[in-house]
Amino acid sequence: MQKTKTPITKEEVEDMIEFAINRHNRNAGLISMVLGFLFIALFADGFFRVIGEIPPFMGIDVDILKEIVERTKDEVLKALSRS
């Protein structure tokens, strides 16, 4: 049994192209949404680790808030003792 070949009309080609473009835009939007969520989550994780709200991961301590508080306290006490 042999298939008969029918020519594709211009409208059918335009419909197929429009469908492909819409599918591409939908997939690209979903990928961008997932990547955006991932980057925001990683940024928030890093930010909260730096300010000391989340404990260190694998022994890597990046908490700088305690050090800043200690240095500021030392500077204020030095300034108060001079006056």
PDB file of N, CA and C in Angstrom:
ATOM      1  N   MET A   1       0.839  -1.179   0.000  1.00  0.00           N
ATOM      2  CA  MET A   1       0.000   0.000   0.000  1.00  0.00           C
ATOM      3  C   MET A   1       0.886   1.245   0.000  1.00  0.00           C
ATOM      4  N   GLN A   2       0.646   2.108  -0.910  1.00  0.00           N
ATOM      5  CA  GLN A   2       1.465   3.295  -1.076  1.00  0.00           C
ATOM      6  C   GLN A   2       0.677   4.516  -0.621  1.00  0.00           C
ATOM      7  N   LYS A   3       1.371   5.389   0.132  1.00  0.00           N
ATOM      8  CA  LYS A   3       0.717   6.612   0.591  1.00  0.00           C
ATOM      9  C   LYS A   3       0.709   7.628  -0.546  1.00  0.00           C
ATOM     10  N   THR A   4      -0.390   8.308  -0.639  1.00  0.00           N
ATOM     11  CA  THR A   4      -0.448   9.367  -1.645  1.00  0.00           C
ATOM     12  C   THR A   4       0.070  10.653  -1.002  1.00  0.00           C
ATOM     13  N   LYS A   5       0.865  11.364  -1.762  1.00  0.00           N
ATOM     14  CA  LYS A   5       1.434  12.607  -1.256  1.00  0.00           C
ATOM     15  C   LYS A   5       0.536  13.752  -1.689  1.00  0.00           C
ATOM     16  N   THR A   6       0.100  14.509  -0.673  1.00  0.00           N
ATOM     17  CA  THR A   6      -0.690  15.696  -0.989  1.00  0.00           C
ATOM     18  C   THR A   6       0.135  16.916  -0.660  1.00  0.00           C
ATOM     19  N   PRO A   7       0.105  17.908  -1.490  1.00  0.00           N
ATOM     20  CA  PRO A   7       0.895  19.115  -1.227  1.00  0.00           C
ATOM     21  C   PRO A   7       0.348  19.861  -0.001  1.00  0.00           C
ATOM     22  N   ILE A   8       1.272  20.473   0.718  1.00  0.00           N
ATOM     23  CA  ILE A   8       0.893  21.252   1.904  1.00  0.00           C
ATOM     24  C   ILE A   8       0.628  22.681   1.456  1.00  0.00           C
ATOM     25  N   THR A   9      -0.481  23.215   1.937  1.00  0.00           N
ATOM     26  CA  THR A   9      -0.833  24.579   1.547  1.00  0.00           C
ATOM     27  C   THR A   9      -0.034  25.592   2.364  1.00  0.00           C
ATOM     28  N   LYS A  10      -0.033  26.811   1.878  1.00  0.00           N
ATOM     29  CA  LYS A  10       0.678  27.880   2.554  1.00  0.00           C
ATOM     30  C   LYS A  10       0.105  28.118   3.952  1.00  0.00           C
ATOM     31  N   GLU A  11      -1.202  28.014   4.086  1.00  0.00           N
ATOM     32  CA  GLU A  11      -1.843  28.220   5.386  1.00  0.00           C
ATOM     33  C   GLU A  11      -1.432  27.136   6.379  1.00  0.00           C
ATOM     34  N   GLU A  12      -1.319  25.898   5.915  1.00  0.00           N
ATOM     35  CA  GLU A  12      -0.894  24.808   6.790  1.00  0.00           C
ATOM     36  C   GLU A  12       0.548  25.016   7.259  1.00  0.00           C
ATOM     37  N   VAL A  13       1.397  25.473   6.346  1.00  0.00           N
ATOM     38  CA  VAL A  13       2.787  25.746   6.714  1.00  0.00           C
ATOM     39  C   VAL A  13       2.847  26.864   7.745  1.00  0.00           C
ATOM     40  N   GLU A  14       2.077  27.935   7.543  1.00  0.00           N
ATOM     41  CA  GLU A  14       2.063  29.037   8.499  1.00  0.00           C
ATOM     42  C   GLU A  14       1.538  28.585   9.854  1.00  0.00           C
ATOM     43  N   ASP A  15       0.507  27.705   9.857  1.00  0.00           N
ATOM     44  CA  ASP A  15      -0.019  27.161  11.118  1.00  0.00           C
ATOM     45  C   ASP A  15       1.029  26.317  11.829  1.00  0.00           C
ATOM     46  N   MET A  16       1.778  25.495  11.076  1.00  0.00           N
ATOM     47  CA  MET A  16       2.812  24.665  11.688  1.00  0.00           C
ATOM     48  C   MET A  16       3.930  25.522  12.272  1.00  0.00           C
ATOM     49  N   ILE A  17       4.326  26.585  11.555  1.00  0.00           N
ATOM     50  CA  ILE A  17       5.370  27.487  12.051  1.00  0.00           C
ATOM     51  C   ILE A  17       4.891  28.206  13.303  1.00  0.00           C
ATOM     52  N   GLU A  18       3.652  28.685  13.287  1.00  0.00           N
ATOM     53  CA  GLU A  18       3.102  29.374  14.455  1.00  0.00           C
ATOM     54  C   GLU A  18       3.039  28.433  15.662  1.00  0.00           C
ATOM     55  N   PHE A  19       2.640  27.178  15.438  1.00  0.00           N
ATOM     56  CA  PHE A  19       2.587  26.194  16.516  1.00  0.00           C
ATOM     57  C   PHE A  19       3.986  25.950  17.088  1.00  0.00           C
ATOM     58  N   ALA A  20       4.983  25.823  16.201  1.00  0.00           N
ATOM     59  CA  ALA A  20       6.351  25.576  16.654  1.00  0.00           C
ATOM     60  C   ALA A  20       6.895  26.764  17.448  1.00  0.00           C
ATOM     61  N   ILE A  21       6.606  27.972  16.991  1.00  0.00           N
ATOM     62  CA  ILE A  21       7.070  29.167  17.700  1.00  0.00           C
ATOM     63  C   ILE A  21       6.404  29.257  19.073  1.00  0.00           C
ATOM     64  N   ASN A  22       5.113  28.989  19.135  1.00  0.00           N
ATOM     65  CA  ASN A  22       4.406  29.028  20.428  1.00  0.00           C
ATOM     66  C   ASN A  22       4.957  27.977  21.394  1.00  0.00           C
ATOM     67  N   ARG A  23       5.239  26.788  20.877  1.00  0.00           N
ATOM     68  CA  ARG A  23       5.789  25.733  21.727  1.00  0.00           C
ATOM     69  C   ARG A  23       7.183  26.121  22.227  1.00  0.00           C
ATOM     70  N   HIS A  24       7.983  26.702  21.343  1.00  0.00           N
ATOM     71  CA  HIS A  24       9.317  27.158  21.734  1.00  0.00           C
ATOM     72  C   HIS A  24       9.219  28.236  22.815  1.00  0.00           C
ATOM     73  N   ASN A  25       8.346  29.228  22.623  1.00  0.00           N
ATOM     74  CA  ASN A  25       8.199  30.309  23.599  1.00  0.00           C
ATOM     75  C   ASN A  25       7.728  29.770  24.955  1.00  0.00           C
ATOM     76  N   ARG A  26       6.820  28.801  24.939  1.00  0.00           N
ATOM     77  CA  ARG A  26       6.339  28.211  26.189  1.00  0.00           C
ATOM     78  C   ARG A  26       7.477  27.481  26.902  1.00  0.00           C
ATOM     79  N   ASN A  27       8.221  26.677  26.165  1.00  0.00           N
ATOM     80  CA  ASN A  27       9.330  25.936  26.774  1.00  0.00           C
ATOM     81  C   ASN A  27      10.416  26.872  27.286  1.00  0.00           C
ATOM     82  N   ALA A  28      10.734  27.900  26.516  1.00  0.00           N
ATOM     83  CA  ALA A  28      11.762  28.862  26.940  1.00  0.00           C
ATOM     84  C   ALA A  28      11.304  29.608  28.186  1.00  0.00           C
ATOM     85  N   GLY A  29      10.033  29.947  28.265  1.00  0.00           N
ATOM     86  CA  GLY A  29       9.502  30.622  29.444  1.00  0.00           C
ATOM     87  C   GLY A  29       9.589  29.748  30.679  1.00  0.00           C
ATOM     88  N   LEU A  30       9.265  28.477  30.540  1.00  0.00           N
ATOM     89  CA  LEU A  30       9.336  27.554  31.676  1.00  0.00           C
ATOM     90  C   LEU A  30      10.781  27.369  32.141  1.00  0.00           C
ATOM     91  N   ILE A  31      11.699  27.239  31.191  1.00  0.00           N
ATOM     92  CA  ILE A  31      13.108  27.084  31.548  1.00  0.00           C
ATOM     93  C   ILE A  31      13.613  28.338  32.259  1.00  0.00           C
ATOM     94  N   SER A  32      13.251  29.512  31.758  1.00  0.00           N
ATOM     95  CA  SER A  32      13.669  30.765  32.393  1.00  0.00           C
ATOM     96  C   SER A  32      13.098  30.882  33.799  1.00  0.00           C
ATOM     97  N   MET A  33      11.848  30.453  33.972  1.00  0.00           N
ATOM     98  CA  MET A  33      11.223  30.516  35.285  1.00  0.00           C
ATOM     99  C   MET A  33      11.958  29.612  36.278  1.00  0.00           C
ATOM    100  N   VAL A  34      12.296  28.411  35.865  1.00  0.00           N
ATOM    101  CA  VAL A  34      13.010  27.479  36.741  1.00  0.00           C
ATOM    102  C   VAL A  34      14.399  28.022  37.082  1.00  0.00           C
ATOM    103  N   LEU A  35      15.115  28.528  36.086  1.00  0.00           N
ATOM    104  CA  LEU A  35      16.447  29.079  36.348  1.00  0.00           C
ATOM    105  C   LEU A  35      16.382  30.301  37.260  1.00  0.00           C
ATOM    106  N   GLY A  36      15.399  31.158  37.046  1.00  0.00           N
ATOM    107  CA  GLY A  36      15.236  32.334  37.905  1.00  0.00           C
ATOM    108  C   GLY A  36      14.969  31.939  39.341  1.00  0.00           C
ATOM    109  N   PHE A  37      14.084  30.972  39.550  1.00  0.00           N
ATOM    110  CA  PHE A  37      13.795  30.502  40.900  1.00  0.00           C
ATOM    111  C   PHE A  37      15.049  29.907  41.538  1.00  0.00           C
ATOM    112  N   LEU A  38      15.805  29.138  40.767  1.00  0.00           N
ATOM    113  CA  LEU A  38      17.023  28.521  41.283  1.00  0.00           C
ATOM    114  C   LEU A  38      18.042  29.580  41.709  1.00  0.00           C
ATOM    115  N   PHE A  39      18.261  30.589  40.870  1.00  0.00           N
ATOM    116  CA  PHE A  39      19.236  31.627  41.192  1.00  0.00           C
ATOM    117  C   PHE A  39      18.808  32.444  42.406  1.00  0.00           C
ATOM    118  N   ILE A  40      17.519  32.748  42.517  1.00  0.00           N
ATOM    119  CA  ILE A  40      17.041  33.496  43.687  1.00  0.00           C
ATOM    120  C   ILE A  40      17.205  32.659  44.950  1.00  0.00           C
ATOM    121  N   ALA A  41      16.903  31.356  44.863  1.00  0.00           N
ATOM    122  CA  ALA A  41      17.053  30.480  46.027  1.00  0.00           C
ATOM    123  C   ALA A  41      18.521  30.396  46.458  1.00  0.00           C
ATOM    124  N   LEU A  42      19.428  30.262  45.502  1.00  0.00           N
ATOM    125  CA  LEU A  42      20.854  30.186  45.841  1.00  0.00           C
ATOM    126  C   LEU A  42      21.363  31.510  46.413  1.00  0.00           C
ATOM    127  N   PHE A  43      20.893  32.617  45.862  1.00  0.00           N
ATOM    128  CA  PHE A  43      21.279  33.921  46.392  1.00  0.00           C
ATOM    129  C   PHE A  43      20.800  34.073  47.833  1.00  0.00           C
ATOM    130  N   ALA A  44      19.537  33.720  48.085  1.00  0.00           N
ATOM    131  CA  ALA A  44      18.992  33.833  49.437  1.00  0.00           C
ATOM    132  C   ALA A  44      19.751  32.927  50.404  1.00  0.00           C
ATOM    133  N   ASP A  45      20.070  31.714  49.961  1.00  0.00           N
ATOM    134  CA  ASP A  45      20.834  30.801  50.812  1.00  0.00           C
ATOM    135  C   ASP A  45      22.185  31.410  51.181  1.00  0.00           C
ATOM    136  N   GLY A  46      22.898  31.926  50.201  1.00  0.00           N
ATOM    137  CA  GLY A  46      24.194  32.540  50.461  1.00  0.00           C
ATOM    138  C   GLY A  46      24.091  33.760  51.362  1.00  0.00           C
ATOM    139  N   PHE A  47      23.080  34.579  51.121  1.00  0.00           N
ATOM    140  CA  PHE A  47      22.890  35.783  51.942  1.00  0.00           C
ATOM    141  C   PHE A  47      22.631  35.413  53.397  1.00  0.00           C
ATOM    142  N   PHE A  48      21.754  34.444  53.620  1.00  0.00           N
ATOM    143  CA  PHE A  48      21.441  34.056  54.996  1.00  0.00           C
ATOM    144  C   PHE A  48      22.607  33.349  55.679  1.00  0.00           C
ATOM    145  N   ARG A  49      23.449  32.674  54.898  1.00  0.00           N
ATOM    146  CA  ARG A  49      24.653  32.075  55.490  1.00  0.00           C
ATOM    147  C   ARG A  49      25.651  33.164  55.894  1.00  0.00           C
ATOM    148  N   VAL A  50      25.776  34.204  55.072  1.00  0.00           N
ATOM    149  CA  VAL A  50      26.723  35.284  55.375  1.00  0.00           C
ATOM    150  C   VAL A  50      26.299  36.046  56.622  1.00  0.00           C
ATOM    151  N   ILE A  51      25.005  36.248  56.808  1.00  0.00           N
ATOM    152  CA  ILE A  51      24.578  36.993  58.001  1.00  0.00           C
ATOM    153  C   ILE A  51      24.381  36.080  59.211  1.00  0.00           C
ATOM    154  N   GLY A  52      24.603  34.780  59.046  1.00  0.00           N
ATOM    155  CA  GLY A  52      24.600  33.874  60.182  1.00  0.00           C
ATOM    156  C   GLY A  52      23.256  33.282  60.553  1.00  0.00           C
ATOM    157  N   GLU A  53      22.264  33.402  59.701  1.00  0.00           N
ATOM    158  CA  GLU A  53      20.944  32.849  59.996  1.00  0.00           C
ATOM    159  C   GLU A  53      20.860  31.358  59.687  1.00  0.00           C
ATOM    160  N   ILE A  54      21.703  30.874  58.780  1.00  0.00           N
ATOM    161  CA  ILE A  54      21.740  29.457  58.431  1.00  0.00           C
ATOM    162  C   ILE A  54      23.114  28.932  58.839  1.00  0.00           C
ATOM    163  N   PRO A  55      23.165  27.773  59.482  1.00  0.00           N
ATOM    164  CA  PRO A  55      24.464  27.247  59.930  1.00  0.00           C
ATOM    165  C   PRO A  55      25.394  26.925  58.760  1.00  0.00           C
ATOM    166  N   PRO A  56      26.701  26.852  59.029  1.00  0.00           N
ATOM    167  CA  PRO A  56      27.678  26.560  57.965  1.00  0.00           C
ATOM    168  C   PRO A  56      27.404  25.230  57.271  1.00  0.00           C
ATOM    169  N   PHE A  57      27.777  25.145  56.015  1.00  0.00           N
ATOM    170  CA  PHE A  57      27.605  23.934  55.218  1.00  0.00           C
ATOM    171  C   PHE A  57      28.963  23.283  55.026  1.00  0.00           C
ATOM    172  N   MET A  58      29.095  22.033  55.394  1.00  0.00           N
ATOM    173  CA  MET A  58      30.321  21.251  55.253  1.00  0.00           C
ATOM    174  C   MET A  58      31.513  21.924  55.946  1.00  0.00           C
ATOM    175  N   GLY A  59      31.240  22.584  57.054  1.00  0.00           N
ATOM    176  CA  GLY A  59      32.314  23.204  57.816  1.00  0.00           C
ATOM    177  C   GLY A  59      32.846  24.496  57.243  1.00  0.00           C
ATOM    178  N   ILE A  60      32.251  25.024  56.200  1.00  0.00           N
ATOM    179  CA  ILE A  60      32.705  26.282  55.597  1.00  0.00           C
ATOM    180  C   ILE A  60      31.876  27.410  56.207  1.00  0.00           C
ATOM    181  N   ASP A  61      32.504  28.180  57.082  1.00  0.00           N
ATOM    182  CA  ASP A  61      31.788  29.250  57.777  1.00  0.00           C
ATOM    183  C   ASP A  61      32.064  30.575  57.082  1.00  0.00           C
ATOM    184  N   VAL A  62      31.034  31.184  56.532  1.00  0.00           N
ATOM    185  CA  VAL A  62      31.180  32.466  55.849  1.00  0.00           C
ATOM    186  C   VAL A  62      30.471  33.580  56.611  1.00  0.00           C
ATOM    187  N   ASP A  63      30.106  33.312  57.858  1.00  0.00           N
ATOM    188  CA  ASP A  63      29.393  34.280  58.682  1.00  0.00           C
ATOM    189  C   ASP A  63      30.304  35.465  58.994  1.00  0.00           C
ATOM    190  N   ILE A  64      29.917  36.657  58.534  1.00  0.00           N
ATOM    191  CA  ILE A  64      30.731  37.851  58.782  1.00  0.00           C
ATOM    192  C   ILE A  64      30.051  38.809  59.748  1.00  0.00           C
ATOM    193  N   LEU A  65      28.811  38.537  60.084  1.00  0.00           N
ATOM    194  CA  LEU A  65      28.059  39.467  60.921  1.00  0.00           C
ATOM    195  C   LEU A  65      28.655  39.574  62.325  1.00  0.00           C
ATOM    196  N   LYS A  66      29.038  38.456  62.920  1.00  0.00           N
ATOM    197  CA  LYS A  66      29.619  38.480  64.269  1.00  0.00           C
ATOM    198  C   LYS A  66      30.921  39.283  64.284  1.00  0.00           C
ATOM    199  N   GLU A  67      31.737  39.098  63.259  1.00  0.00           N
ATOM    200  CA  GLU A  67      33.006  39.832  63.181  1.00  0.00           C
ATOM    201  C   GLU A  67      32.761  41.337  63.048  1.00  0.00           C
ATOM    202  N   ILE A  68      31.785  41.710  62.249  1.00  0.00           N
ATOM    203  CA  ILE A  68      31.474  43.137  62.078  1.00  0.00           C
ATOM    204  C   ILE A  68      30.973  43.732  63.384  1.00  0.00           C
ATOM    205  N   VAL A  69      30.131  43.000  64.103  1.00  0.00           N
ATOM    206  CA  VAL A  69      29.620  43.489  65.386  1.00  0.00           C
ATOM    207  C   VAL A  69      30.765  43.659  66.379  1.00  0.00           C
ATOM    208  N   GLU A  70      31.659  42.690  66.445  1.00  0.00           N
ATOM    209  CA  GLU A  70      32.791  42.781  67.376  1.00  0.00           C
ATOM    210  C   GLU A  70      33.703  43.961  67.041  1.00  0.00           C
ATOM    211  N   ARG A  71      34.021  44.133  65.783  1.00  0.00           N
ATOM    212  CA  ARG A  71      34.896  45.252  65.386  1.00  0.00           C
ATOM    213  C   ARG A  71      34.238  46.597  65.677  1.00  0.00           C
ATOM    214  N   THR A  72      32.937  46.690  65.384  1.00  0.00           N
ATOM    215  CA  THR A  72      32.214  47.940  65.646  1.00  0.00           C
ATOM    216  C   THR A  72      32.178  48.226  67.140  1.00  0.00           C
ATOM    217  N   LYS A  73      31.935  47.194  67.949  1.00  0.00           N
ATOM    218  CA  LYS A  73      31.895  47.367  69.397  1.00  0.00           C
ATOM    219  C   LYS A  73      33.258  47.834  69.904  1.00  0.00           C
ATOM    220  N   ASP A  74      34.327  47.243  69.392  1.00  0.00           N
ATOM    221  CA  ASP A  74      35.673  47.651  69.800  1.00  0.00           C
ATOM    222  C   ASP A  74      35.941  49.111  69.441  1.00  0.00           C
ATOM    223  N   GLU A  75      35.548  49.523  68.250  1.00  0.00           N
ATOM    224  CA  GLU A  75      35.768  50.912  67.821  1.00  0.00           C
ATOM    225  C   GLU A  75      34.960  51.885  68.673  1.00  0.00           C
ATOM    226  N   VAL A  76      33.721  51.516  68.998  1.00  0.00           N
ATOM    227  CA  VAL A  76      32.889  52.394  69.827  1.00  0.00           C
ATOM    228  C   VAL A  76      33.486  52.509  71.227  1.00  0.00           C
ATOM    229  N   LEU A  77      33.948  51.385  71.793  1.00  0.00           N
ATOM    230  CA  LEU A  77      34.547  51.426  73.135  1.00  0.00           C
ATOM    231  C   LEU A  77      35.838  52.252  73.130  1.00  0.00           C
ATOM    232  N   LYS A  78      36.644  52.150  72.064  1.00  0.00           N
ATOM    233  CA  LYS A  78      37.854  52.972  71.954  1.00  0.00           C
ATOM    234  C   LYS A  78      37.495  54.449  71.885  1.00  0.00           C
ATOM    235  N   ALA A  79      36.473  54.779  71.103  1.00  0.00           N
ATOM    236  CA  ALA A  79      36.064  56.173  70.956  1.00  0.00           C
ATOM    237  C   ALA A  79      35.511  56.714  72.257  1.00  0.00           C
ATOM    238  N   LEU A  80      34.787  55.903  73.019  1.00  0.00           N
ATOM    239  CA  LEU A  80      34.239  56.352  74.283  1.00  0.00           C
ATOM    240  C   LEU A  80      35.323  56.514  75.347  1.00  0.00           C
ATOM    241  N   SER A  81      36.354  55.663  75.298  1.00  0.00           N
ATOM    242  CA  SER A  81      37.404  55.749  76.294  1.00  0.00           C
ATOM    243  C   SER A  81      38.305  56.971  76.054  1.00  0.00           C
ATOM    244  N   ARG A  82      38.394  57.455  74.829  1.00  0.00           N
ATOM    245  CA  ARG A  82      39.216  58.628  74.509  1.00  0.00           C
ATOM    246  C   ARG A  82      38.559  59.913  75.030  1.00  0.00           C
ATOM    247  N   SER A  83      37.216  59.944  75.049  1.00  0.00           N
ATOM    248  CA  SER A  83      36.560  61.192  75.447  1.00  0.00           C
ATOM    249  C   SER A  83      36.387  61.344  76.922  1.00  0.00           C
TER     250      SER A  83
END
